[in-house]
Amino acid sequence: MIQGLRKYSTKVQTVQEGKVKLIYHHNKDQVQFKNSAVEYIMNRPEQMNAQNLEVMQCAFLYLRNLHYNPDQVSNLMVMYGAGNKAFCAGGDIKFVSQQLKTQEQWIQFYKTYHQSLYQFTILPQKLNQVVLWNGYTAGAASGISMNAQIRVATEKTAFSMPEVKIGYVIDAGSSYYFSRKCLKEVGMYLGLTGRQVKGVDLVKQGFATHFVEDSKLAQLRQELLSNHHEKISHNEILEIVNKFSTEIKDEKIENLEEIQDLFQFDSFHEVYKRICSSKTSFAQSIKHDHINFRHSPQTFALNFELIKRGDQAKEYKEGLFNEYRAQMSFWLDNELREGTRAKLIDRDNNPRWKHKSVHEISQEEIVKFLEYPVEESIDEIYDFEKFPYLEKTLKFELV
């Protein structure tokens, strides 16, 4: 099985145990697989475990092996982030906007990203996946974990899809699960505001299945690992997690009635109009954040349409494909690059957005993002056999 990755100073890192041999062509282990692949550790703590191309390639290699050799991998995965600050801060936005210099690199990144995301969404069909959201959990973090059978939040967990703040689009399948894991108006609210959900509220809203105090998380992880056996069942795993979890007695979702009133699925113009015209402190706080924290009007509108289409999608990969087309269109759009400059590089918090207000944006303009022409069909994007990039950077072989 896959076991014991450590840091190497060379460019080639080899891990071999049993009949699996992995060769990683980079100078540092960024994803670790330990104890018969029971632990999946995102290992970029200095970058809040954000995912770049190397991380996704390593993950894809593991997923590919699992796909072709299911008998070689444990039936339990415990997933968490290295360090004590973040599960995963999502995709490495600086890497995307600054390091992808050509359209070919852009396409390679997003095809790799979507291949990995899709395989993670169907992973729970193959094994028992327990996710420990040990800290900041944003963006792409949800795509690799949201379908896990058991999703554990702590008082330190802060979940968000913050793309509206940097001029990007919600992704990682959130346009699909935002109307399924939670009430759909709550999903629309989170997608359009980028606000965080913390701690017990993740259980109340439907994102987490359990709440465990952070001080007990290491003990929970250890008990899962020490009690693992080849045929461990979901009920056995659930019994262990329940022993550490805290029951949430108050299930009330704060501001729910107003969220359902403001974030209806009619149009992004109407949603923004209701927010601006409402005199409640809750609605005014949303308006204040959108204007004063310089959220992208284009992303507000685009996220609305993605979530609305995701609500109508018949399967998960349909929602992913909608996001993929929008992301492909962003190679020709400057909104993400400008948002990254203003919020993450120069930090002047003064992005020069394409539009000054949501009111200026037409429906036709947003549709162009969502219906951006791509060469591949939905099935080709998520087909293992047609993935063109992995062998260029990673080698996989059975020995």
Protein backbone atom coordinates (compact mmCIF):
# COMPACT_ATOMS: atom_id res chain seq x y z
CA MET A 1 0.00 0.00 0.00
CA ILE A 2 0.98 3.66 -0.13
CA GLN A 3 2.93 4.58 2.95
CA GLY A 4 5.30 6.99 4.64
CA LEU A 5 6.02 9.89 2.29
CA ARG A 6 8.77 12.20 3.53
CA LYS A 7 10.56 15.27 2.22
CA TYR A 8 13.38 14.82 -0.30
CA SER A 9 15.83 17.35 -1.66
CA THR A 10 15.94 15.78 -5.11
CA LYS A 11 13.46 16.39 -7.89
CA VAL A 12 12.36 12.76 -8.00
CA GLN A 13 10.69 11.22 -5.00
CA THR A 14 10.00 7.50 -4.93
CA VAL A 15 7.70 5.67 -2.55
CA GLN A 16 7.33 1.94 -2.76
CA GLU A 17 5.44 -0.54 -0.61
CA GLY A 18 4.02 -3.85 -1.71
CA LYS A 19 3.07 -3.71 -5.38
CA VAL A 20 2.67 0.03 -5.83
CA LYS A 21 5.44 2.34 -6.93
CA LEU A 22 4.91 6.09 -7.16
CA ILE A 23 7.40 8.53 -8.56
CA TYR A 24 6.72 12.21 -7.80
CA HIS A 25 8.56 14.69 -9.98
CA HIS A 26 8.87 17.64 -7.63
CA ASN A 27 11.19 18.67 -4.82
CA LYS A 28 8.89 18.19 -1.84
CA ASP A 29 6.00 16.03 -0.75
CA GLN A 30 2.88 18.11 -0.88
CA VAL A 31 0.37 15.32 -0.42
CA GLN A 32 1.13 12.51 2.00
CA PHE A 33 -0.36 9.01 2.08
CA LYS A 34 0.42 7.06 5.22
CA ASN A 35 -0.59 3.87 6.98
CA SER A 36 -1.90 1.93 4.01
CA ALA A 37 -3.46 5.08 2.50
CA VAL A 38 -5.67 5.47 5.53
CA GLU A 39 -4.46 9.04 6.06
CA TYR A 40 -4.71 11.60 3.28
CA ILE A 41 -2.86 14.70 4.42
CA MET A 42 -2.72 17.90 2.44
CA ASN A 43 0.80 19.01 3.17
CA ARG A 44 1.41 22.67 2.36
CA PRO A 45 0.92 24.18 5.82
CA GLU A 46 2.86 27.34 4.96
CA GLN A 47 0.35 27.97 2.16
CA MET A 48 -2.65 26.94 4.29
CA ASN A 49 -2.62 23.65 2.35
CA ALA A 50 -3.80 25.42 -0.79
CA GLN A 51 -3.87 23.25 -3.89
CA ASN A 52 -1.60 23.92 -6.83
CA LEU A 53 -0.94 21.82 -9.93
CA GLU A 54 1.56 19.51 -8.21
CA VAL A 55 -0.84 18.75 -5.38
CA MET A 56 -3.61 17.88 -7.80
CA GLN A 57 -1.33 15.70 -9.90
CA CYS A 58 -0.26 13.77 -6.81
CA ALA A 59 -3.87 13.38 -5.77
CA PHE A 60 -4.87 12.30 -9.25
CA LEU A 61 -2.16 9.66 -9.28
CA TYR A 62 -3.56 8.14 -6.11
CA LEU A 63 -7.13 8.31 -7.42
CA ARG A 64 -6.09 6.73 -10.68
CA ASN A 65 -4.43 3.85 -8.86
CA LEU A 66 -7.55 3.38 -6.78
CA HIS A 67 -9.66 3.34 -9.93
CA TYR A 68 -7.63 0.62 -11.63
CA ASN A 69 -6.51 -1.31 -8.55
CA PRO A 70 -9.25 -1.05 -5.90
CA ASP A 71 -7.99 -4.17 -4.14
CA GLN A 72 -4.68 -2.43 -3.35
CA VAL A 73 -6.08 0.44 -1.32
CA SER A 74 -7.63 0.51 2.11
CA ASN A 75 -11.39 0.93 2.42
CA LEU A 76 -10.99 3.82 4.88
CA MET A 77 -9.59 7.28 4.22
CA VAL A 78 -9.14 9.89 6.95
CA MET A 79 -8.51 13.26 5.31
CA TYR A 80 -7.15 16.39 6.99
CA GLY A 81 -4.74 19.27 6.53
CA ALA A 82 -1.19 19.52 7.87
CA GLY A 83 -0.62 22.04 10.64
CA ASN A 84 -3.21 23.58 12.93
CA LYS A 85 -4.60 26.44 10.84
CA ALA A 86 -6.28 25.01 7.77
CA PHE A 87 -7.87 21.94 6.27
CA CYS A 88 -7.34 23.50 2.86
CA ALA A 89 -7.50 27.12 1.75
CA GLY A 90 -8.78 26.07 -1.67
CA GLY A 91 -6.97 26.52 -4.94
CA ASP A 92 -3.74 28.50 -4.97
CA ILE A 93 -5.18 31.62 -6.58
CA LYS A 94 -1.83 33.39 -6.87
CA PHE A 95 -0.52 30.38 -8.75
CA VAL A 96 -3.52 30.37 -11.09
CA SER A 97 -3.52 34.06 -11.89
CA GLN A 98 0.25 34.70 -11.89
CA GLN A 99 1.98 31.46 -12.91
CA LEU A 100 -0.23 30.18 -15.71
CA LYS A 101 1.33 32.18 -18.52
CA THR A 102 -0.20 30.52 -21.57
CA GLN A 103 -3.64 29.29 -22.48
CA GLU A 104 -2.23 25.76 -22.79
CA GLN A 105 -1.07 25.90 -19.16
CA TRP A 106 -4.47 27.28 -18.15
CA ILE A 107 -6.25 24.39 -19.86
CA GLN A 108 -3.86 21.82 -18.38
CA PHE A 109 -4.43 23.16 -14.88
CA TYR A 110 -8.20 23.12 -15.09
CA LYS A 111 -8.44 19.74 -16.79
CA THR A 112 -6.26 18.27 -14.05
CA TYR A 113 -8.29 20.08 -11.43
CA HIS A 114 -11.61 18.85 -12.76
CA GLN A 115 -10.40 15.28 -13.22
CA SER A 116 -9.32 15.22 -9.57
CA LEU A 117 -12.49 16.91 -8.35
CA TYR A 118 -14.76 14.48 -10.14
CA GLN A 119 -12.89 11.46 -8.84
CA PHE A 120 -13.13 12.85 -5.31
CA THR A 121 -16.88 13.30 -5.70
CA ILE A 122 -17.32 9.62 -6.50
CA LEU A 123 -14.68 8.42 -4.03
CA PRO A 124 -17.24 7.59 -1.30
CA GLN A 125 -18.69 5.00 -3.69
CA LYS A 126 -15.38 3.12 -3.37
CA LEU A 127 -14.34 3.54 0.27
CA ASN A 128 -15.32 5.07 3.59
CA GLN A 129 -14.14 8.67 3.68
CA VAL A 130 -13.91 10.63 6.93
CA VAL A 131 -13.05 14.31 6.58
CA LEU A 132 -11.71 16.35 9.49
CA TRP A 133 -12.15 20.04 8.69
CA ASN A 134 -9.38 21.13 11.04
CA GLY A 135 -9.40 24.86 10.43
CA TYR A 136 -9.92 27.12 7.44
CA THR A 137 -11.86 25.30 4.71
CA ALA A 138 -12.47 27.21 1.50
CA GLY A 139 -13.05 26.85 -2.22
CA ALA A 140 -11.57 23.68 -3.66
CA ALA A 141 -11.42 22.18 -0.16
CA SER A 142 -15.13 21.51 -0.43
CA GLY A 143 -14.78 19.72 -3.76
CA ILE A 144 -12.46 17.07 -2.36
CA SER A 145 -14.45 16.55 0.83
CA MET A 146 -18.11 17.53 0.56
CA ASN A 147 -19.30 14.12 -0.59
CA ALA A 148 -17.57 12.23 2.21
CA GLN A 149 -19.92 10.11 4.28
CA ILE A 150 -18.62 11.71 7.47
CA ARG A 151 -17.63 15.39 7.61
CA VAL A 152 -16.41 16.68 10.96
CA ALA A 153 -16.37 20.35 11.97
CA THR A 154 -14.77 21.86 15.08
CA GLU A 155 -15.03 25.25 16.77
CA LYS A 156 -12.02 26.27 14.64
CA THR A 157 -13.60 25.34 11.31
CA ALA A 158 -14.42 28.27 9.04
CA PHE A 159 -16.00 27.27 5.73
CA SER A 160 -16.54 29.65 2.82
CA MET A 161 -16.65 30.08 -0.94
CA PRO A 162 -14.99 33.52 -1.06
CA GLU A 163 -14.66 33.93 -4.83
CA VAL A 164 -16.86 37.03 -5.00
CA LYS A 165 -14.14 38.88 -3.08
CA ILE A 166 -11.48 38.27 -5.74
CA GLY A 167 -13.46 38.32 -8.97
CA TYR A 168 -13.50 34.58 -9.57
CA VAL A 169 -16.36 32.04 -9.74
CA ILE A 170 -17.58 29.47 -7.24
CA ASP A 171 -16.37 26.04 -8.19
CA ALA A 172 -15.46 22.59 -6.81
CA GLY A 173 -19.04 21.51 -7.39
CA SER A 174 -20.50 24.12 -5.05
CA SER A 175 -22.92 25.31 -7.72
CA TYR A 176 -24.44 21.82 -7.47
CA TYR A 177 -24.26 21.05 -3.73
CA PHE A 178 -25.34 24.55 -2.63
CA SER A 179 -28.93 23.53 -3.35
CA ARG A 180 -28.57 20.00 -1.93
CA LYS A 181 -26.38 19.94 1.16
CA CYS A 182 -28.20 22.95 2.56
CA LEU A 183 -31.37 24.91 1.87
CA LYS A 184 -30.90 26.33 -1.59
CA GLU A 185 -31.45 29.96 -0.51
CA VAL A 186 -28.71 29.48 2.10
CA GLY A 187 -26.42 28.19 -0.64
CA MET A 188 -27.24 31.18 -2.82
CA TYR A 189 -26.56 33.51 0.12
CA LEU A 190 -23.13 31.96 0.75
CA GLY A 191 -22.20 31.94 -2.95
CA LEU A 192 -23.11 35.58 -3.49
CA THR A 193 -21.64 37.01 -0.29
CA GLY A 194 -18.60 34.79 0.34
CA ARG A 195 -19.45 34.78 4.04
CA GLN A 196 -18.10 32.15 6.39
CA VAL A 197 -19.97 29.41 8.21
CA LYS A 198 -18.28 28.38 11.43
CA GLY A 199 -18.34 25.56 13.96
CA VAL A 200 -21.72 24.16 14.93
CA ASP A 201 -23.45 26.19 12.21
CA LEU A 202 -21.90 23.85 9.65
CA VAL A 203 -23.92 21.01 11.19
CA LYS A 204 -27.06 23.11 11.42
CA GLN A 205 -26.86 24.10 7.77
CA GLY A 206 -26.11 20.58 6.53
CA PHE A 207 -22.48 20.84 5.46
CA ALA A 208 -20.96 18.89 8.36
CA THR A 209 -22.37 15.66 9.72
CA HIS A 210 -20.69 15.91 13.14
CA PHE A 211 -19.25 18.46 15.53
CA VAL A 212 -16.17 17.44 17.53
CA GLU A 213 -14.20 19.74 19.83
CA ASP A 214 -10.81 20.58 18.38
CA SER A 215 -9.05 19.22 21.48
CA LYS A 216 -10.50 15.77 20.73
CA LEU A 217 -9.68 15.68 17.02
CA ALA A 218 -6.26 14.02 17.31
CA GLN A 219 -7.68 11.36 19.59
CA LEU A 220 -10.54 10.71 17.17
CA ARG A 221 -8.11 10.36 14.30
CA GLN A 222 -5.93 7.97 16.26
CA GLU A 223 -8.87 5.81 17.28
CA LEU A 224 -10.07 5.57 13.69
CA LEU A 225 -6.62 4.45 12.58
CA SER A 226 -5.97 2.03 15.42
CA ASN A 227 -9.37 0.38 14.97
CA HIS A 228 -9.10 0.10 11.22
CA HIS A 229 -9.22 -3.33 9.65
CA GLU A 230 -9.60 -4.61 6.13
CA LYS A 231 -13.38 -4.98 6.28
CA ILE A 232 -14.29 -2.10 8.57
CA SER A 233 -17.90 -1.04 8.01
CA HIS A 234 -19.52 2.37 7.86
CA ASN A 235 -21.42 1.63 11.07
CA GLU A 236 -18.20 0.80 12.90
CA ILE A 237 -16.66 4.07 11.75
CA LEU A 238 -19.81 5.97 12.68
CA GLU A 239 -19.77 4.49 16.16
CA ILE A 240 -16.23 5.75 16.73
CA VAL A 241 -17.03 9.27 15.48
CA ASN A 242 -20.24 9.44 17.52
CA LYS A 243 -18.26 8.71 20.67
CA PHE A 244 -16.32 11.96 20.22
CA SER A 245 -19.04 14.17 18.75
CA THR A 246 -21.22 16.71 20.52
CA GLU A 247 -24.96 16.73 19.93
CA ILE A 248 -26.28 20.00 18.51
CA LYS A 249 -29.52 20.70 20.35
CA ASP A 250 -30.28 24.17 18.98
CA GLU A 251 -30.86 23.66 15.24
CA LYS A 252 -31.97 27.23 14.50
CA ILE A 253 -30.23 28.87 11.54
CA GLU A 254 -29.65 32.56 12.21
CA ASN A 255 -31.41 35.00 9.83
CA LEU A 256 -32.96 32.10 7.88
CA GLU A 257 -36.28 33.79 7.09
CA GLU A 258 -34.55 36.86 5.74
CA ILE A 259 -32.08 34.78 3.74
CA GLN A 260 -34.99 32.93 2.12
CA ASP A 261 -36.68 36.23 1.34
CA LEU A 262 -33.61 37.97 -0.12
CA PHE A 263 -31.94 35.16 -2.01
CA GLN A 264 -34.73 33.80 -4.16
CA PHE A 265 -33.95 32.16 -7.49
CA ASP A 266 -35.57 34.75 -9.78
CA SER A 267 -32.67 36.85 -11.13
CA PHE A 268 -29.41 38.34 -9.90
CA HIS A 269 -30.84 41.81 -10.60
CA GLU A 270 -33.81 41.14 -8.32
CA VAL A 271 -31.65 39.67 -5.56
CA TYR A 272 -29.37 42.69 -5.57
CA LYS A 273 -32.37 45.04 -5.69
CA ARG A 274 -33.91 43.36 -2.62
CA ILE A 275 -30.62 43.63 -0.74
CA CYS A 276 -30.24 47.31 -1.55
CA SER A 277 -33.84 48.25 -0.75
CA SER A 278 -34.14 46.34 2.52
CA LYS A 279 -33.75 48.39 5.69
CA THR A 280 -32.90 45.49 8.01
CA SER A 281 -29.49 45.42 9.64
CA PHE A 282 -28.79 42.02 8.09
CA ALA A 283 -29.45 43.18 4.51
CA GLN A 284 -27.57 46.42 5.11
CA SER A 285 -24.54 44.47 6.36
CA ILE A 286 -24.53 42.47 3.10
CA LYS A 287 -24.73 45.68 1.06
CA HIS A 288 -21.98 47.22 3.18
CA ASP A 289 -19.66 44.26 2.63
CA HIS A 290 -20.34 44.18 -1.11
CA ILE A 291 -19.55 47.87 -1.57
CA ASN A 292 -16.90 48.58 1.07
CA PHE A 293 -15.01 45.30 0.79
CA ARG A 294 -15.10 45.75 -2.99
CA HIS A 295 -16.78 42.52 -4.06
CA SER A 296 -16.93 41.83 -7.78
CA PRO A 297 -20.31 42.68 -9.34
CA GLN A 298 -19.56 40.31 -12.21
CA THR A 299 -18.90 37.40 -9.83
CA PHE A 300 -22.10 38.17 -7.93
CA ALA A 301 -24.08 37.79 -11.15
CA LEU A 302 -22.12 34.83 -12.48
CA ASN A 303 -22.36 32.91 -9.20
CA PHE A 304 -26.11 33.44 -9.16
CA GLU A 305 -26.50 31.87 -12.58
CA LEU A 306 -24.14 29.00 -11.77
CA ILE A 307 -26.06 28.11 -8.62
CA LYS A 308 -29.39 28.43 -10.42
CA ARG A 309 -28.19 26.09 -13.18
CA GLY A 310 -26.68 23.78 -10.60
CA ASP A 311 -30.05 23.52 -8.89
CA GLN A 312 -31.51 22.32 -12.20
CA ALA A 313 -28.62 19.93 -12.98
CA LYS A 314 -29.42 16.22 -13.01
CA GLU A 315 -26.00 15.04 -11.77
CA TYR A 316 -22.90 16.31 -10.03
CA LYS A 317 -20.64 16.43 -13.07
CA GLU A 318 -23.17 18.60 -14.89
CA GLY A 319 -22.66 21.23 -12.20
CA LEU A 320 -18.90 20.77 -12.44
CA PHE A 321 -19.02 21.15 -16.22
CA ASN A 322 -20.91 24.44 -15.93
CA GLU A 323 -18.12 25.68 -13.67
CA TYR A 324 -15.45 24.35 -16.04
CA ARG A 325 -16.81 26.31 -18.99
CA ALA A 326 -16.90 29.50 -16.93
CA GLN A 327 -13.32 28.90 -15.78
CA MET A 328 -12.17 28.34 -19.36
CA SER A 329 -13.67 31.68 -20.32
CA PHE A 330 -11.64 33.43 -17.60
CA TRP A 331 -8.45 33.06 -19.61
CA LEU A 332 -9.82 35.89 -21.76
CA ASP A 333 -11.19 37.88 -18.81
CA ASN A 334 -9.15 40.11 -16.49
CA GLU A 335 -11.44 40.08 -13.45
CA LEU A 336 -9.58 37.34 -11.53
CA ARG A 337 -6.14 38.75 -12.31
CA GLU A 338 -7.26 42.20 -11.16
CA GLY A 339 -8.87 40.82 -8.01
CA THR A 340 -5.74 38.85 -7.16
CA ARG A 341 -3.59 41.92 -7.67
CA ALA A 342 -5.74 44.14 -5.47
CA LYS A 343 -6.55 41.65 -2.70
CA LEU A 344 -3.56 39.30 -2.52
CA ILE A 345 -0.51 40.96 -4.14
CA ASP A 346 -0.56 44.76 -3.89
CA ARG A 347 -3.22 44.55 -1.16
CA ASP A 348 -4.56 48.02 -1.92
CA ASN A 349 -8.12 46.64 -1.81
CA ASN A 350 -8.95 48.81 -4.79
CA PRO A 351 -9.74 46.44 -7.66
CA ARG A 352 -10.69 48.06 -10.94
CA TRP A 353 -13.65 45.82 -11.72
CA LYS A 354 -15.18 45.73 -15.15
CA HIS A 355 -18.51 46.91 -13.72
CA LYS A 356 -19.20 49.36 -10.93
CA SER A 357 -22.51 47.77 -9.99
CA VAL A 358 -24.56 44.61 -10.49
CA HIS A 359 -27.18 46.87 -12.08
CA GLU A 360 -24.86 47.45 -15.06
CA ILE A 361 -24.55 43.76 -15.99
CA SER A 362 -26.79 42.19 -18.61
CA GLN A 363 -28.08 38.63 -18.60
CA GLU A 364 -26.58 38.09 -22.06
CA GLU A 365 -23.10 38.99 -20.81
CA ILE A 366 -23.26 36.36 -18.07
CA VAL A 367 -24.60 33.69 -20.41
CA LYS A 368 -21.45 34.06 -22.54
CA PHE A 369 -19.37 32.85 -19.60
CA LEU A 370 -21.64 29.89 -18.94
CA GLU A 371 -21.88 28.83 -22.57
CA TYR A 372 -18.25 29.43 -23.47
CA PRO A 373 -17.38 26.95 -26.27
CA VAL A 374 -15.05 24.11 -25.28
CA GLU A 375 -13.83 21.28 -27.50
CA GLU A 376 -14.66 18.41 -25.16
CA SER A 377 -18.04 17.04 -24.16
CA ILE A 378 -18.98 16.67 -20.51
CA ASP A 379 -18.11 12.96 -20.58
CA GLU A 380 -14.72 13.56 -22.19
CA ILE A 381 -13.70 16.06 -19.51
CA TYR A 382 -14.24 13.52 -16.74
CA ASP A 383 -13.11 10.36 -18.56
CA PHE A 384 -9.95 8.80 -17.08
CA GLU A 385 -8.91 7.28 -20.39
CA LYS A 386 -8.94 10.60 -22.22
CA PHE A 387 -6.99 12.60 -19.65
CA PRO A 388 -4.00 13.96 -21.66
CA TYR A 389 -1.61 15.48 -19.12
CA LEU A 390 -0.66 13.17 -16.29
CA GLU A 391 2.18 11.27 -17.98
CA LYS A 392 3.95 14.49 -18.86
CA THR A 393 4.81 15.18 -15.23
CA LEU A 394 4.17 12.03 -13.24
CA LYS A 395 4.94 8.41 -13.82
CA PHE A 396 2.92 5.49 -12.50
CA GLU A 397 3.80 1.84 -12.73
CA LEU A 398 3.07 -1.49 -11.10
CA VAL A 399 6.10 -3.54 -10.04
